[in-house]
N, C-alpha and C. Protein backbone atom coordinates (compact mmCIF):
# COMPACT_ATOMS: atom_id res chain seq x y z
N MET A 1 -19.74 34.72 -28.92
CA MET A 1 -18.52 34.32 -28.35
C MET A 1 -18.78 35.53 -27.05
N ILE A 2 -19.70 36.83 -27.28
CA ILE A 2 -19.62 37.29 -26.18
C ILE A 2 -20.13 36.80 -24.74
N GLN A 3 -20.42 36.05 -24.88
CA GLN A 3 -20.98 35.27 -23.15
C GLN A 3 -19.84 34.59 -22.66
N ARG A 4 -18.66 34.14 -23.04
CA ARG A 4 -17.81 33.53 -22.76
C ARG A 4 -17.03 34.48 -21.24
N ILE A 5 -16.25 33.81 -20.82
CA ILE A 5 -15.91 33.89 -19.48
C ILE A 5 -15.24 35.15 -19.14
N GLN A 6 -14.58 35.08 -20.29
CA GLN A 6 -13.08 36.06 -20.18
C GLN A 6 -14.42 37.35 -20.10
N SER A 7 -15.23 37.80 -20.84
CA SER A 7 -16.55 38.86 -20.87
C SER A 7 -16.62 39.16 -19.29
N VAL A 8 -16.84 38.31 -18.59
CA VAL A 8 -16.99 38.55 -17.14
C VAL A 8 -16.01 38.46 -16.45
N TRP A 9 -14.94 38.43 -16.61
CA TRP A 9 -13.54 38.61 -16.14
C TRP A 9 -13.38 40.27 -16.46
N LEU A 10 -13.45 40.53 -18.03
CA LEU A 10 -13.42 42.08 -18.07
C LEU A 10 -14.36 43.05 -17.66
N LEU A 11 -15.37 42.55 -17.16
CA LEU A 11 -16.50 43.56 -17.09
C LEU A 11 -16.23 43.79 -15.33
N LEU A 12 -15.84 42.50 -14.53
CA LEU A 12 -15.37 42.77 -13.14
C LEU A 12 -14.06 43.80 -13.53
N ALA A 13 -13.26 43.87 -14.16
CA ALA A 13 -11.96 44.30 -14.12
C ALA A 13 -12.27 45.99 -14.07
N ALA A 14 -13.38 46.18 -15.02
CA ALA A 14 -14.19 47.50 -15.16
C ALA A 14 -14.65 48.12 -14.31
N ILE A 15 -15.32 47.09 -13.40
CA ILE A 15 -15.54 47.76 -12.13
C ILE A 15 -14.90 48.13 -11.31
N ALA A 16 -13.89 46.94 -10.91
CA ALA A 16 -12.60 47.43 -10.15
C ALA A 16 -12.01 48.67 -10.30
N GLY A 17 -11.93 49.00 -11.63
CA GLY A 17 -11.44 50.25 -12.10
C GLY A 17 -12.40 51.31 -11.62
N ILE A 18 -13.51 51.57 -11.91
CA ILE A 18 -14.38 52.14 -11.15
C ILE A 18 -14.78 52.62 -10.00
N MET A 19 -14.35 51.40 -9.30
CA MET A 19 -14.41 51.24 -7.86
C MET A 19 -13.01 52.31 -7.26
N THR A 20 -12.09 51.76 -7.94
CA THR A 20 -10.57 52.15 -7.58
C THR A 20 -10.78 53.94 -7.72
N TYR A 21 -11.22 54.46 -8.89
CA TYR A 21 -11.61 55.73 -9.07
C TYR A 21 -12.38 56.07 -7.91
N ARG A 22 -13.52 55.68 -7.11
CA ARG A 22 -14.24 56.34 -6.33
C ARG A 22 -14.09 56.24 -4.90
N LEU A 23 -13.69 54.41 -4.42
CA LEU A 23 -12.83 54.72 -3.19
C LEU A 23 -11.77 55.34 -3.08
N PRO A 24 -11.58 55.58 -1.60
CA PRO A 24 -9.93 56.21 -1.20
C PRO A 24 -9.07 55.04 -1.29
N LEU A 25 -7.86 55.49 -1.01
CA LEU A 25 -6.68 54.35 -1.56
C LEU A 25 -6.01 53.95 0.04
N TRP A 26 -5.77 55.70 0.45
CA TRP A 26 -4.99 55.65 1.70
C TRP A 26 -5.60 56.52 2.61
N GLU A 27 -5.13 56.11 4.14
CA GLU A 27 -5.84 57.50 4.92
C GLU A 27 -4.60 57.33 6.21
N GLY A 28 -4.45 58.67 6.65
CA GLY A 28 -3.36 59.08 7.67
C GLY A 28 -4.05 59.77 8.59
N ILE A 29 -3.29 59.92 9.92
CA ILE A 29 -4.13 60.53 10.76
C ILE A 29 -2.66 61.24 11.60
N LEU A 30 -3.02 62.95 10.97
CA LEU A 30 -1.87 63.64 11.40
C LEU A 30 -2.02 63.82 13.21
N GLN A 31 -0.61 64.51 13.52
CA GLN A 31 -0.17 64.44 14.95
C GLN A 31 -1.67 65.33 16.00
N ASP A 32 -1.85 66.67 15.19
CA ASP A 32 -3.35 66.92 15.70
C ASP A 32 -4.47 66.61 15.98
N GLY A 33 -4.55 65.16 15.18
CA GLY A 33 -5.86 64.32 15.14
C GLY A 33 -6.53 64.76 13.98
N THR A 34 -6.62 65.10 12.88
CA THR A 34 -6.84 65.14 11.73
C THR A 34 -6.42 64.23 10.53
N LYS A 35 -7.54 63.86 9.99
CA LYS A 35 -7.33 62.81 9.28
C LYS A 35 -7.37 63.22 7.88
N LYS A 36 -6.42 63.08 7.41
CA LYS A 36 -5.82 62.87 5.74
C LYS A 36 -6.09 62.02 4.61
N VAL A 37 -6.88 62.24 3.59
CA VAL A 37 -7.59 60.85 2.97
C VAL A 37 -6.76 60.63 1.31
N PHE A 38 -6.53 60.27 0.77
CA PHE A 38 -5.58 60.01 -0.31
C PHE A 38 -6.90 59.10 -1.44
N LEU A 39 -7.29 59.93 -2.35
CA LEU A 39 -8.05 59.70 -3.64
C LEU A 39 -6.99 59.31 -4.97
N GLY A 40 -7.88 58.38 -5.93
CA GLY A 40 -7.09 58.28 -6.97
C GLY A 40 -7.80 59.73 -7.82
N PRO A 41 -8.17 60.21 -7.92
CA PRO A 41 -8.38 61.21 -8.51
C PRO A 41 -7.56 62.69 -8.25
N GLU A 42 -6.90 62.22 -7.18
CA GLU A 42 -6.26 63.59 -6.85
C GLU A 42 -4.70 63.83 -7.41
N MET A 43 -4.75 62.43 -8.47
CA MET A 43 -3.06 62.98 -9.18
C MET A 43 -3.58 62.46 -10.37
N LEU A 44 -3.43 63.37 -11.26
CA LEU A 44 -3.90 63.65 -12.63
C LEU A 44 -3.47 62.24 -13.36
N LEU A 45 -1.99 62.12 -13.39
CA LEU A 45 -1.61 60.64 -14.31
C LEU A 45 -2.24 59.68 -13.32
N LEU A 46 -2.04 59.26 -12.31
CA LEU A 46 -2.83 58.03 -11.51
C LEU A 46 -4.58 58.09 -12.06
N PHE A 47 -4.99 59.40 -12.23
CA PHE A 47 -6.71 59.20 -12.23
C PHE A 47 -6.82 58.74 -14.29
N THR A 48 -5.91 59.20 -14.99
CA THR A 48 -5.90 58.70 -16.35
C THR A 48 -5.46 58.02 -16.50
N VAL A 49 -4.71 57.16 -15.69
CA VAL A 49 -4.02 55.27 -15.98
C VAL A 49 -5.29 54.74 -15.59
N ILE A 50 -6.23 55.25 -14.51
CA ILE A 50 -7.19 54.21 -13.96
C ILE A 50 -8.56 54.09 -15.08
N VAL A 51 -8.82 55.56 -15.48
CA VAL A 51 -9.79 55.66 -16.32
C VAL A 51 -9.56 54.92 -17.48
N ALA A 52 -8.09 55.32 -18.27
CA ALA A 52 -7.93 54.31 -19.59
C ALA A 52 -8.16 52.60 -19.18
N THR A 53 -7.78 52.48 -18.25
CA THR A 53 -7.67 50.66 -17.99
C THR A 53 -9.40 50.36 -17.67
N SER A 54 -9.91 51.16 -17.05
CA SER A 54 -11.38 50.96 -17.12
C SER A 54 -12.14 50.50 -18.28
N VAL A 55 -11.70 51.77 -19.41
CA VAL A 55 -12.22 52.09 -20.70
C VAL A 55 -11.77 50.86 -21.52
N LEU A 56 -10.54 50.43 -21.34
CA LEU A 56 -9.86 49.33 -22.16
C LEU A 56 -10.41 47.94 -21.30
N ALA A 57 -10.61 47.88 -20.33
CA ALA A 57 -11.47 46.33 -19.98
C ALA A 57 -12.88 46.65 -20.84
N LEU A 58 -13.78 47.90 -20.94
CA LEU A 58 -15.12 47.73 -21.21
C LEU A 58 -15.08 47.46 -22.77
N VAL A 59 -14.06 47.92 -23.63
CA VAL A 59 -13.96 48.15 -25.23
C VAL A 59 -13.26 46.64 -25.60
N THR A 60 -12.68 45.87 -24.51
CA THR A 60 -11.86 44.61 -25.04
C THR A 60 -13.07 43.49 -24.74
N ILE A 61 -13.97 43.65 -24.31
CA ILE A 61 -14.82 42.99 -24.14
C ILE A 61 -15.99 42.64 -25.32
N PHE A 62 -15.90 43.44 -26.41
CA PHE A 62 -16.50 44.01 -27.22
C PHE A 62 -15.95 43.25 -28.64
N LEU A 63 -14.52 42.75 -28.48
CA LEU A 63 -13.89 43.04 -29.84
C LEU A 63 -13.63 41.29 -29.80
N PHE A 64 -14.84 40.68 -29.54
CA PHE A 64 -14.21 39.10 -29.52
C PHE A 64 -14.22 38.27 -30.68
N LYS A 65 -14.50 39.14 -32.06
CA LYS A 65 -14.24 38.36 -33.31
C LYS A 65 -12.86 38.64 -33.49
N ASN A 66 -12.01 39.32 -32.67
CA ASN A 66 -10.61 39.22 -33.51
C ASN A 66 -9.40 38.72 -31.57
N ARG A 67 -9.69 38.21 -31.71
CA ARG A 67 -9.05 37.04 -30.36
C ARG A 67 -7.44 37.50 -30.23
N LYS A 68 -7.01 37.95 -31.43
CA LYS A 68 -5.53 38.20 -31.06
C LYS A 68 -5.34 39.46 -30.60
N LEU A 69 -6.30 40.51 -30.97
CA LEU A 69 -6.24 41.87 -30.63
C LEU A 69 -6.77 42.22 -29.22
N GLN A 70 -7.91 41.20 -28.90
CA GLN A 70 -8.15 40.65 -27.66
C GLN A 70 -7.41 40.36 -26.67
N LYS A 71 -6.69 39.49 -26.83
CA LYS A 71 -5.26 39.32 -25.83
C LYS A 71 -4.20 40.17 -25.55
N THR A 72 -4.04 41.02 -26.89
CA THR A 72 -3.12 42.07 -26.90
C THR A 72 -3.41 42.95 -25.63
N LEU A 73 -4.77 43.56 -25.48
CA LEU A 73 -5.20 44.30 -25.15
C LEU A 73 -5.55 44.06 -23.59
N CYS A 74 -5.72 42.71 -23.36
CA CYS A 74 -5.36 41.82 -22.12
C CYS A 74 -4.39 42.36 -21.41
N PHE A 75 -3.29 41.88 -21.87
CA PHE A 75 -2.01 42.35 -21.69
C PHE A 75 -1.77 43.41 -21.82
N LEU A 76 -1.93 44.90 -22.17
CA LEU A 76 -1.75 45.99 -22.30
C LEU A 76 -2.91 46.49 -20.36
N GLY A 77 -3.83 45.67 -20.55
CA GLY A 77 -4.70 45.81 -19.25
C GLY A 77 -3.62 45.48 -18.13
N ILE A 78 -2.91 44.40 -18.13
CA ILE A 78 -2.28 44.03 -17.11
C ILE A 78 -1.13 45.05 -16.85
N VAL A 79 -0.20 45.25 -17.90
CA VAL A 79 0.67 46.38 -17.69
C VAL A 79 0.08 47.89 -16.75
N LEU A 80 -0.69 48.28 -17.61
CA LEU A 80 -1.51 49.51 -17.05
C LEU A 80 -1.95 49.16 -15.42
N SER A 81 -2.34 48.00 -15.30
CA SER A 81 -2.82 47.65 -13.60
C SER A 81 -1.46 48.05 -12.86
N ILE A 82 -0.38 47.52 -13.20
CA ILE A 82 0.59 47.29 -12.89
C ILE A 82 1.45 49.02 -12.46
N VAL A 83 1.10 49.81 -13.66
CA VAL A 83 1.60 51.09 -13.38
C VAL A 83 0.39 51.55 -12.34
N ILE A 84 -0.49 51.45 -12.41
CA ILE A 84 -1.41 52.12 -11.26
C ILE A 84 -0.98 51.50 -9.91
N VAL A 85 -0.87 50.45 -9.75
CA VAL A 85 0.32 49.84 -8.36
C VAL A 85 1.07 50.58 -8.37
N ILE A 86 2.37 50.68 -9.15
CA ILE A 86 3.19 51.77 -8.63
C ILE A 86 2.92 53.13 -8.53
N LEU A 87 2.24 53.88 -9.32
CA LEU A 87 1.75 55.18 -9.09
C LEU A 87 1.52 55.76 -8.05
N GLU A 88 0.20 54.84 -7.21
CA GLU A 88 -0.31 54.62 -6.23
C GLU A 88 0.73 54.60 -5.23
N PHE A 89 1.24 53.60 -4.77
CA PHE A 89 2.74 53.50 -4.09
C PHE A 89 3.70 54.86 -4.11
N THR A 90 3.98 55.72 -4.90
CA THR A 90 5.19 56.03 -5.01
C THR A 90 4.21 57.46 -4.50
N GLN A 91 3.04 57.64 -4.80
CA GLN A 91 2.31 58.89 -4.69
C GLN A 91 2.07 58.99 -3.06
N VAL A 92 1.67 57.80 -2.69
CA VAL A 92 1.25 57.71 -0.82
C VAL A 92 2.77 57.80 -0.05
N GLU A 93 3.61 57.30 -0.88
CA GLU A 93 4.87 57.35 -0.20
C GLU A 93 5.22 58.91 -0.10
N GLY A 94 5.21 59.62 -1.01
CA GLY A 94 5.47 61.07 -1.36
C GLY A 94 4.78 61.91 -0.19
N PHE A 95 3.08 61.67 -0.23
CA PHE A 95 2.40 62.38 0.72
C PHE A 95 3.01 62.00 1.89
N LYS A 96 3.24 60.64 1.99
CA LYS A 96 3.59 60.28 3.85
C LYS A 96 4.95 61.24 4.05
N SER A 97 5.71 61.26 3.17
CA SER A 97 6.78 61.90 3.75
C SER A 97 7.33 63.28 3.67
N ASP A 98 5.71 64.06 3.22
CA ASP A 98 5.82 65.49 3.09
C ASP A 98 5.33 65.79 4.47
N THR A 99 4.50 65.01 5.11
CA THR A 99 3.98 65.48 6.49
C THR A 99 4.27 64.68 7.30
N ASN A 100 3.93 64.66 9.08
CA ASN A 100 4.41 63.55 10.00
C ASN A 100 3.26 62.86 10.45
N PHE A 101 3.09 61.53 10.00
CA PHE A 101 1.54 60.83 10.62
C PHE A 101 1.90 60.08 11.76
N LYS A 102 0.99 60.24 12.69
CA LYS A 102 0.98 59.75 13.61
C LYS A 102 0.79 57.77 13.25
N GLU A 103 -0.69 57.63 12.57
CA GLU A 103 -0.81 56.57 11.75
C GLU A 103 -1.47 56.41 10.68
N SER A 104 -1.09 55.61 10.22
CA SER A 104 -1.47 55.55 8.74
C SER A 104 -2.07 53.93 7.90
N ARG A 105 -2.71 54.06 6.83
CA ARG A 105 -3.08 52.75 6.53
C ARG A 105 -3.83 52.62 5.32
N TRP A 106 -3.51 51.47 4.75
CA TRP A 106 -4.05 51.40 3.07
C TRP A 106 -5.31 51.14 3.53
N LEU A 107 -6.29 50.99 2.32
CA LEU A 107 -7.71 50.85 2.30
C LEU A 107 -8.02 50.39 1.36
N PHE A 108 -9.19 49.63 1.43
CA PHE A 108 -9.70 48.94 0.51
C PHE A 108 -9.46 49.14 -1.26
N GLY A 109 -9.29 50.11 -1.67
CA GLY A 109 -9.46 50.91 -2.58
C GLY A 109 -7.90 50.94 -3.51
N ALA A 110 -6.80 50.56 -2.49
CA ALA A 110 -5.65 50.06 -2.74
C ALA A 110 -5.44 49.15 -3.74
N ILE A 111 -6.22 48.19 -2.84
CA ILE A 111 -5.88 46.54 -3.09
C ILE A 111 -7.06 46.39 -4.80
N LEU A 112 -7.78 47.19 -5.13
CA LEU A 112 -8.63 46.93 -6.29
C LEU A 112 -7.72 46.87 -7.68
N PRO A 113 -6.56 47.72 -7.77
CA PRO A 113 -5.70 47.28 -8.73
C PRO A 113 -4.93 45.90 -8.92
N ILE A 114 -4.56 45.27 -7.70
CA ILE A 114 -3.85 43.76 -7.66
C ILE A 114 -5.16 43.11 -8.33
N LEU A 115 -6.16 43.27 -8.08
CA LEU A 115 -7.27 42.68 -8.12
C LEU A 115 -7.52 42.77 -9.89
N MET A 116 -7.50 43.69 -10.29
CA MET A 116 -7.62 44.48 -12.01
C MET A 116 -6.28 43.39 -12.35
N ILE A 117 -5.38 43.18 -12.01
CA ILE A 117 -4.45 42.33 -12.52
C ILE A 117 -4.80 41.06 -12.55
N LEU A 118 -5.27 40.26 -11.54
CA LEU A 118 -5.86 39.34 -11.72
C LEU A 118 -6.85 38.69 -12.48
N LEU A 119 -7.78 40.09 -12.36
CA LEU A 119 -8.72 39.61 -13.39
C LEU A 119 -8.27 39.62 -15.19
N PHE A 120 -7.43 40.57 -15.56
CA PHE A 120 -7.19 40.68 -16.74
C PHE A 120 -6.38 39.48 -17.16
N MET A 121 -5.38 38.80 -16.17
CA MET A 121 -4.95 37.38 -16.48
C MET A 121 -5.86 36.29 -16.83
N LEU A 122 -7.02 36.23 -15.95
CA LEU A 122 -8.04 35.08 -16.21
C LEU A 122 -8.83 35.60 -17.34
N ALA A 123 -8.93 36.39 -17.52
CA ALA A 123 -9.51 36.99 -19.11
C ALA A 123 -8.25 36.72 -20.14
N TYR A 124 -7.06 36.59 -20.03
CA TYR A 124 -6.20 36.34 -20.95
C TYR A 124 -6.14 35.14 -20.94
N GLY A 125 -6.36 34.21 -19.80
CA GLY A 125 -6.59 32.50 -20.28
C GLY A 125 -7.48 32.49 -20.54
N GLY A 126 -8.77 32.87 -20.92
CA GLY A 126 -9.75 32.28 -21.38
C GLY A 126 -9.70 32.57 -22.51
N ILE A 127 -9.14 33.77 -23.27
CA ILE A 127 -8.88 34.29 -24.62
C ILE A 127 -8.18 33.25 -25.15
N ARG A 128 -7.26 32.73 -24.18
CA ARG A 128 -5.92 31.71 -24.95
C ARG A 128 -6.87 30.46 -25.27
N LYS A 129 -7.41 30.10 -24.34
CA LYS A 129 -8.08 28.72 -24.09
C LYS A 129 -9.61 28.83 -25.59
N ASP A 130 -9.84 29.79 -25.91
CA ASP A 130 -10.81 29.95 -26.89
C ASP A 130 -10.36 29.66 -28.24
N GLN A 131 -8.95 30.43 -28.37
CA GLN A 131 -7.90 30.61 -29.22
C GLN A 131 -7.73 28.81 -29.55
N LYS A 132 -7.18 28.58 -28.70
CA LYS A 132 -7.00 26.33 -28.94
C LYS A 132 -7.77 26.12 -29.35
N LEU A 133 -9.22 26.39 -28.74
CA LEU A 133 -10.13 25.93 -29.23
C LEU A 133 -10.62 25.69 -30.68
N VAL A 134 -10.97 27.28 -30.76
CA VAL A 134 -10.67 27.52 -32.47
C VAL A 134 -9.75 26.40 -33.33
N LYS A 135 -8.70 26.86 -33.15
CA LYS A 135 -7.53 26.17 -33.61
C LYS A 135 -7.55 24.76 -34.04
N SER A 136 -8.35 23.76 -32.80
CA SER A 136 -8.34 22.42 -33.35
C SER A 136 -9.75 22.14 -33.74
N LEU A 137 -10.65 23.18 -34.02
CA LEU A 137 -12.06 22.73 -34.26
C LEU A 137 -11.56 22.80 -36.17
N GLU A 138 -10.45 23.83 -36.25
CA GLU A 138 -10.05 24.19 -37.93
C GLU A 138 -9.36 23.04 -38.26
N ARG A 139 -8.60 22.51 -37.40
CA ARG A 139 -7.99 21.10 -37.91
C ARG A 139 -8.85 19.97 -38.38
N LEU A 140 -9.96 19.89 -37.52
CA LEU A 140 -10.81 18.79 -37.65
C LEU A 140 -11.43 18.73 -39.23
N ARG A 141 -11.67 20.31 -39.81
CA ARG A 141 -12.31 20.32 -41.14
C ARG A 141 -11.41 19.77 -42.03
């Protein structure tokens, strides 16, 4: 069952988590023209949640024999991805309020946790579909 579609979704969620760690999330230009960039590893809590969510996605791939646990971990991945989005937003807003920026914008790295939520949801749906298929086959026996 490791070749199922939810394995692809979980792998993509792990890749998105790793990219969230590596890519800048936000950038702002100060009044004097200097550019400030916010990265995920700058905040320890955000860094920890990003790494935990990425590892969770990878571990969940190999739990294909225990679909109930796999579904639970996918739901936990959705919750952790939402926490990442909230932490990003609060950290950047705090960062923006501390200094006076002439211009600021969100970057591609900030969108990836939202993509992770979607990928975990797709994986959850795939696992649920497999569970229904197995139950229907057991009824036929």
